[in-house]
Amino acid sequence: MAKLHTRLKRKLRMKINRRRNRAPRPKTFKSEEAAKRYAEAKGIKDYKLVNIRSSSSKRKKLKIVGG
C-alpha cells in the first residue's frame, strides 16, 4: 500500500506512530554532593562515582556506578 498524506490520515482517523529510537542515557550529576544525595534518596549504598568526561576537562560530569 502506498504511503498516505497527513491530511488523509487525519480524515480517515488513522494512527500516527512517531517514536524515537534512542538509547537510554545514564543519570549524571555536576557535583559529588548532588550524586550522594540522589544515591541516598534511592537507597543505593555501595556505589562509585565515575567522571564521564575526559581527565583533561576542568568540568565534571559524574555518574553513579554500582559496586
PDB file of N, CA and C in Angstrom:
ATOM      1  N   MET A   1       0.843  -1.177   0.000  1.00  0.00           N
ATOM      2  CA  MET A   1       0.000   0.000   0.000  1.00  0.00           C
ATOM      3  C   MET A   1       0.886   1.237   0.000  1.00  0.00           C
ATOM      4  N   ALA A   2       0.487   2.237  -0.746  1.00  0.00           N
ATOM      5  CA  ALA A   2       1.253   3.478  -0.839  1.00  0.00           C
ATOM      6  C   ALA A   2       1.111   4.277   0.451  1.00  0.00           C
ATOM      7  N   LYS A   3       2.081   5.108   0.708  1.00  0.00           N
ATOM      8  CA  LYS A   3       2.065   5.931   1.907  1.00  0.00           C
ATOM      9  C   LYS A   3       1.035   7.054   1.770  1.00  0.00           C
ATOM     10  N   LEU A   4       0.239   7.255   2.828  1.00  0.00           N
ATOM     11  CA  LEU A   4      -0.804   8.270   2.795  1.00  0.00           C
ATOM     12  C   LEU A   4      -0.294   9.606   3.289  1.00  0.00           C
ATOM     13  N   HIS A   5      -0.867  10.659   2.779  1.00  0.00           N
ATOM     14  CA  HIS A   5      -0.519  12.004   3.213  1.00  0.00           C
ATOM     15  C   HIS A   5      -1.152  12.274   4.569  1.00  0.00           C
ATOM     16  N   THR A   6      -0.603  13.202   5.316  1.00  0.00           N
ATOM     17  CA  THR A   6      -1.051  13.500   6.676  1.00  0.00           C
ATOM     18  C   THR A   6      -2.520  13.899   6.734  1.00  0.00           C
ATOM     19  N   ARG A   7      -2.976  14.716   5.810  1.00  0.00           N
ATOM     20  CA  ARG A   7      -4.383  15.147   5.817  1.00  0.00           C
ATOM     21  C   ARG A   7      -5.325  13.964   5.638  1.00  0.00           C
ATOM     22  N   LEU A   8      -4.938  13.054   4.771  1.00  0.00           N
ATOM     23  CA  LEU A   8      -5.761  11.870   4.547  1.00  0.00           C
ATOM     24  C   LEU A   8      -5.767  10.971   5.779  1.00  0.00           C
ATOM     25  N   LYS A   9      -4.642  10.882   6.464  1.00  0.00           N
ATOM     26  CA  LYS A   9      -4.585  10.105   7.702  1.00  0.00           C
ATOM     27  C   LYS A   9      -5.522  10.692   8.744  1.00  0.00           C
ATOM     28  N   ARG A  10      -5.541  12.009   8.842  1.00  0.00           N
ATOM     29  CA  ARG A  10      -6.439  12.664   9.788  1.00  0.00           C
ATOM     30  C   ARG A  10      -7.896  12.422   9.403  1.00  0.00           C
ATOM     31  N   LYS A  11      -8.171  12.491   8.116  1.00  0.00           N
ATOM     32  CA  LYS A  11      -9.540  12.289   7.639  1.00  0.00           C
ATOM     33  C   LYS A  11     -10.023  10.875   7.935  1.00  0.00           C
ATOM     34  N   LEU A  12      -9.162   9.895   7.716  1.00  0.00           N
ATOM     35  CA  LEU A  12      -9.518   8.500   7.961  1.00  0.00           C
ATOM     36  C   LEU A  12      -9.309   8.085   9.414  1.00  0.00           C
ATOM     37  N   ARG A  13      -8.811   9.013  10.228  1.00  0.00           N
ATOM     38  CA  ARG A  13      -8.532   8.792  11.654  1.00  0.00           C
ATOM     39  C   ARG A  13      -7.595   7.612  11.885  1.00  0.00           C
ATOM     40  N   MET A  14      -6.519   7.611  11.132  1.00  0.00           N
ATOM     41  CA  MET A  14      -5.525   6.557  11.257  1.00  0.00           C
ATOM     42  C   MET A  14      -4.525   6.909  12.347  1.00  0.00           C
ATOM     43  N   LYS A  15      -3.958   5.888  12.926  1.00  0.00           N
ATOM     44  CA  LYS A  15      -2.980   6.080  13.984  1.00  0.00           C
ATOM     45  C   LYS A  15      -1.661   6.561  13.383  1.00  0.00           C
ATOM     46  N   ILE A  16      -1.101   7.607  13.992  1.00  0.00           N
ATOM     47  CA  ILE A  16       0.199   8.125  13.570  1.00  0.00           C
ATOM     48  C   ILE A  16       1.204   7.758  14.658  1.00  0.00           C
ATOM     49  N   ASN A  17       2.163   6.936  14.322  1.00  0.00           N
ATOM     50  CA  ASN A  17       3.134   6.457  15.296  1.00  0.00           C
ATOM     51  C   ASN A  17       4.510   7.043  14.978  1.00  0.00           C
ATOM     52  N   ARG A  18       4.947   7.952  15.823  1.00  0.00           N
ATOM     53  CA  ARG A  18       6.268   8.559  15.628  1.00  0.00           C
ATOM     54  C   ARG A  18       7.062   8.420  16.913  1.00  0.00           C
ATOM     55  N   ARG A  19       7.824   7.360  17.020  1.00  0.00           N
ATOM     56  CA  ARG A  19       8.657   7.145  18.196  1.00  0.00           C
ATOM     57  C   ARG A  19      10.120   7.320  17.828  1.00  0.00           C
ATOM     58  N   ARG A  20      10.877   7.817  18.789  1.00  0.00           N
ATOM     59  CA  ARG A  20      12.312   7.970  18.574  1.00  0.00           C
ATOM     60  C   ARG A  20      13.013   6.731  19.090  1.00  0.00           C
ATOM     61  N   ASN A  21      13.925   6.221  18.317  1.00  0.00           N
ATOM     62  CA  ASN A  21      14.715   5.075  18.741  1.00  0.00           C
ATOM     63  C   ASN A  21      16.037   5.593  19.289  1.00  0.00           C
ATOM     64  N   ARG A  22      16.037   5.859  20.594  1.00  0.00           N
ATOM     65  CA  ARG A  22      17.229   6.416  21.226  1.00  0.00           C
ATOM     66  C   ARG A  22      17.550   5.598  22.464  1.00  0.00           C
ATOM     67  N   ALA A  23      18.809   5.323  22.644  1.00  0.00           N
ATOM     68  CA  ALA A  23      19.233   4.532  23.799  1.00  0.00           C
ATOM     69  C   ALA A  23      19.088   5.352  25.078  1.00  0.00           C
ATOM     70  N   PRO A  24      18.707   4.708  26.172  1.00  0.00           N
ATOM     71  CA  PRO A  24      18.604   5.439  27.442  1.00  0.00           C
ATOM     72  C   PRO A  24      19.984   5.885  27.918  1.00  0.00           C
ATOM     73  N   ARG A  25      20.046   7.081  28.437  1.00  0.00           N
ATOM     74  CA  ARG A  25      21.319   7.643  28.872  1.00  0.00           C
ATOM     75  C   ARG A  25      21.449   7.546  30.384  1.00  0.00           C
ATOM     76  N   PRO A  26      22.682   7.513  30.897  1.00  0.00           N
ATOM     77  CA  PRO A  26      22.845   7.414  32.355  1.00  0.00           C
ATOM     78  C   PRO A  26      22.509   8.729  33.048  1.00  0.00           C
ATOM     79  N   LYS A  27      22.033   8.635  34.285  1.00  0.00           N
ATOM     80  CA  LYS A  27      21.759   9.812  35.111  1.00  0.00           C
ATOM     81  C   LYS A  27      23.102  10.403  35.499  1.00  0.00           C
ATOM     82  N   THR A  28      23.286  11.696  35.240  1.00  0.00           N
ATOM     83  CA  THR A  28      24.571  12.339  35.517  1.00  0.00           C
ATOM     84  C   THR A  28      24.388  13.518  36.459  1.00  0.00           C
ATOM     85  N   PHE A  29      25.494  13.916  37.093  1.00  0.00           N
ATOM     86  CA  PHE A  29      25.484  14.992  38.079  1.00  0.00           C
ATOM     87  C   PHE A  29      26.699  15.886  37.870  1.00  0.00           C
ATOM     88  N   LYS A  30      26.545  17.164  38.242  1.00  0.00           N
ATOM     89  CA  LYS A  30      27.657  18.110  38.106  1.00  0.00           C
ATOM     90  C   LYS A  30      28.535  18.140  39.339  1.00  0.00           C
ATOM     91  N   SER A  31      27.984  17.724  40.496  1.00  0.00           N
ATOM     92  CA  SER A  31      28.770  17.758  41.728  1.00  0.00           C
ATOM     93  C   SER A  31      28.635  16.439  42.471  1.00  0.00           C
ATOM     94  N   GLU A  32      29.622  16.162  43.319  1.00  0.00           N
ATOM     95  CA  GLU A  32      29.608  14.932  44.107  1.00  0.00           C
ATOM     96  C   GLU A  32      28.499  14.958  45.155  1.00  0.00           C
ATOM     97  N   GLU A  33      28.206  16.152  45.688  1.00  0.00           N
ATOM     98  CA  GLU A  33      27.163  16.272  46.701  1.00  0.00           C
ATOM     99  C   GLU A  33      25.799  15.888  46.127  1.00  0.00           C
ATOM    100  N   ALA A  34      25.517  16.342  44.916  1.00  0.00           N
ATOM    101  CA  ALA A  34      24.243  16.026  44.280  1.00  0.00           C
ATOM    102  C   ALA A  34      24.128  14.526  44.008  1.00  0.00           C
ATOM    103  N   ALA A  35      25.222  13.916  43.605  1.00  0.00           N
ATOM    104  CA  ALA A  35      25.217  12.479  43.344  1.00  0.00           C
ATOM    105  C   ALA A  35      24.993  11.696  44.638  1.00  0.00           C
ATOM    106  N   LYS A  36      25.615  12.136  45.726  1.00  0.00           N
ATOM    107  CA  LYS A  36      25.441  11.462  47.013  1.00  0.00           C
ATOM    108  C   LYS A  36      24.014  11.582  47.511  1.00  0.00           C
ATOM    109  N   ARG A  37      23.403  12.769  47.346  1.00  0.00           N
ATOM    110  CA  ARG A  37      22.009  12.956  47.754  1.00  0.00           C
ATOM    111  C   ARG A  37      21.074  12.046  46.964  1.00  0.00           C
ATOM    112  N   TYR A  38      21.316  11.926  45.671  1.00  0.00           N
ATOM    113  CA  TYR A  38      20.493  11.072  44.817  1.00  0.00           C
ATOM    114  C   TYR A  38      20.631   9.608  45.231  1.00  0.00           C
ATOM    115  N   ALA A  39      21.863   9.177  45.508  1.00  0.00           N
ATOM    116  CA  ALA A  39      22.107   7.787  45.911  1.00  0.00           C
ATOM    117  C   ALA A  39      21.421   7.482  47.239  1.00  0.00           C
ATOM    118  N   GLU A  40      21.479   8.409  48.183  1.00  0.00           N
ATOM    119  CA  GLU A  40      20.821   8.201  49.464  1.00  0.00           C
ATOM    120  C   GLU A  40      19.300   8.150  49.301  1.00  0.00           C
ATOM    121  N   ALA A  41      18.764   9.008  48.443  1.00  0.00           N
ATOM    122  CA  ALA A  41      17.323   9.040  48.224  1.00  0.00           C
ATOM    123  C   ALA A  41      16.826   7.750  47.570  1.00  0.00           C
ATOM    124  N   LYS A  42      17.633   7.176  46.685  1.00  0.00           N
ATOM    125  CA  LYS A  42      17.254   5.940  46.001  1.00  0.00           C
ATOM    126  C   LYS A  42      17.621   4.687  46.788  1.00  0.00           C
ATOM    127  N   GLY A  43      18.360   4.850  47.885  1.00  0.00           N
ATOM    128  CA  GLY A  43      18.733   3.706  48.714  1.00  0.00           C
ATOM    129  C   GLY A  43      19.923   2.926  48.186  1.00  0.00           C
ATOM    130  N   ILE A  44      20.769   3.557  47.405  1.00  0.00           N
ATOM    131  CA  ILE A  44      21.970   2.905  46.872  1.00  0.00           C
ATOM    132  C   ILE A  44      23.080   3.070  47.907  1.00  0.00           C
ATOM    133  N   LYS A  45      23.607   1.941  48.395  1.00  0.00           N
ATOM    134  CA  LYS A  45      24.615   2.025  49.456  1.00  0.00           C
ATOM    135  C   LYS A  45      26.028   1.809  48.940  1.00  0.00           C
ATOM    136  N   ASP A  46      26.216   0.801  48.101  1.00  0.00           N
ATOM    137  CA  ASP A  46      27.558   0.503  47.594  1.00  0.00           C
ATOM    138  C   ASP A  46      27.658   1.032  46.167  1.00  0.00           C
ATOM    139  N   TYR A  47      28.263   2.213  45.992  1.00  0.00           N
ATOM    140  CA  TYR A  47      28.374   2.827  44.671  1.00  0.00           C
ATOM    141  C   TYR A  47      29.720   3.526  44.531  1.00  0.00           C
ATOM    142  N   LYS A  48      30.039   3.849  43.289  1.00  0.00           N
ATOM    143  CA  LYS A  48      31.271   4.567  42.981  1.00  0.00           C
ATOM    144  C   LYS A  48      30.922   5.653  41.975  1.00  0.00           C
ATOM    145  N   LEU A  49      31.531   6.829  42.099  1.00  0.00           N
ATOM    146  CA  LEU A  49      31.307   7.933  41.163  1.00  0.00           C
ATOM    147  C   LEU A  49      32.371   7.900  40.075  1.00  0.00           C
ATOM    148  N   VAL A  50      31.935   7.959  38.829  1.00  0.00           N
ATOM    149  CA  VAL A  50      32.846   7.909  37.691  1.00  0.00           C
ATOM    150  C   VAL A  50      32.649   9.165  36.860  1.00  0.00           C
ATOM    151  N   ASN A  51      33.763   9.823  36.498  1.00  0.00           N
ATOM    152  CA  ASN A  51      33.701  11.015  35.658  1.00  0.00           C
ATOM    153  C   ASN A  51      33.588  10.577  34.196  1.00  0.00           C
ATOM    154  N   ILE A  52      32.521  11.002  33.533  1.00  0.00           N
ATOM    155  CA  ILE A  52      32.297  10.619  32.142  1.00  0.00           C
ATOM    156  C   ILE A  52      33.196  11.412  31.193  1.00  0.00           C
ATOM    157  N   ARG A  53      33.456  12.645  31.533  1.00  0.00           N
ATOM    158  CA  ARG A  53      34.292  13.487  30.661  1.00  0.00           C
ATOM    159  C   ARG A  53      35.755  13.082  30.744  1.00  0.00           C
ATOM    160  N   SER A  54      36.534  13.580  29.813  1.00  0.00           N
ATOM    161  CA  SER A  54      37.944  13.235  29.785  1.00  0.00           C
ATOM    162  C   SER A  54      38.670  13.822  30.989  1.00  0.00           C
ATOM    163  N   SER A  55      39.798  13.272  31.326  1.00  0.00           N
ATOM    164  CA  SER A  55      40.547  13.716  32.500  1.00  0.00           C
ATOM    165  C   SER A  55      41.126  15.117  32.312  1.00  0.00           C
ATOM    166  N   SER A  56      41.265  15.566  31.071  1.00  0.00           N
ATOM    167  CA  SER A  56      41.809  16.897  30.821  1.00  0.00           C
ATOM    168  C   SER A  56      40.766  18.000  31.009  1.00  0.00           C
ATOM    169  N   SER A  57      39.495  17.631  31.069  1.00  0.00           N
ATOM    170  CA  SER A  57      38.422  18.606  31.216  1.00  0.00           C
ATOM    171  C   SER A  57      38.370  19.138  32.646  1.00  0.00           C
ATOM    172  N   LYS A  58      38.097  20.439  32.789  1.00  0.00           N
ATOM    173  CA  LYS A  58      38.000  21.038  34.113  1.00  0.00           C
ATOM    174  C   LYS A  58      36.640  20.762  34.752  1.00  0.00           C
ATOM    175  N   ARG A  59      35.593  20.714  33.943  1.00  0.00           N
ATOM    176  CA  ARG A  59      34.245  20.466  34.454  1.00  0.00           C
ATOM    177  C   ARG A  59      34.024  18.974  34.649  1.00  0.00           C
ATOM    178  N   LYS A  60      33.213  18.617  35.643  1.00  0.00           N
ATOM    179  CA  LYS A  60      32.918  17.232  35.931  1.00  0.00           C
ATOM    180  C   LYS A  60      31.528  16.862  35.427  1.00  0.00           C
ATOM    181  N   LYS A  61      31.380  15.622  35.048  1.00  0.00           N
ATOM    182  CA  LYS A  61      30.076  15.038  34.733  1.00  0.00           C
ATOM    183  C   LYS A  61      30.133  13.630  35.316  1.00  0.00           C
ATOM    184  N   LEU A  62      29.526  13.468  36.479  1.00  0.00           N
ATOM    185  CA  LEU A  62      29.635  12.235  37.233  1.00  0.00           C
ATOM    186  C   LEU A  62      28.437  11.331  37.026  1.00  0.00           C
ATOM    187  N   LYS A  63      28.692  10.018  37.015  1.00  0.00           N
ATOM    188  CA  LYS A  63      27.599   9.054  37.011  1.00  0.00           C
ATOM    189  C   LYS A  63      27.862   8.044  38.109  1.00  0.00           C
ATOM    190  N   ILE A  64      26.770   7.465  38.610  1.00  0.00           N
ATOM    191  CA  ILE A  64      26.858   6.503  39.704  1.00  0.00           C
ATOM    192  C   ILE A  64      26.986   5.112  39.108  1.00  0.00           C
ATOM    193  N   VAL A  65      28.016   4.374  39.568  1.00  0.00           N
ATOM    194  CA  VAL A  65      28.230   3.005  39.148  1.00  0.00           C
ATOM    195  C   VAL A  65      28.129   2.129  40.393  1.00  0.00           C
ATOM    196  N   GLY A  66      27.276   1.132  40.347  1.00  0.00           N
ATOM    197  CA  GLY A  66      27.079   0.245  41.491  1.00  0.00           C
ATOM    198  C   GLY A  66      28.238  -0.694  41.688  1.00  0.00           C
ATOM    199  N   GLY A  67      28.533  -0.966  42.950  1.00  0.00           N
ATOM    200  CA  GLY A  67      29.552  -1.966  43.290  1.00  0.00           C
ATOM    201  C   GLY A  67      30.893  -1.459  43.114  1.00  0.00           C
TER     202      GLY A  67
END
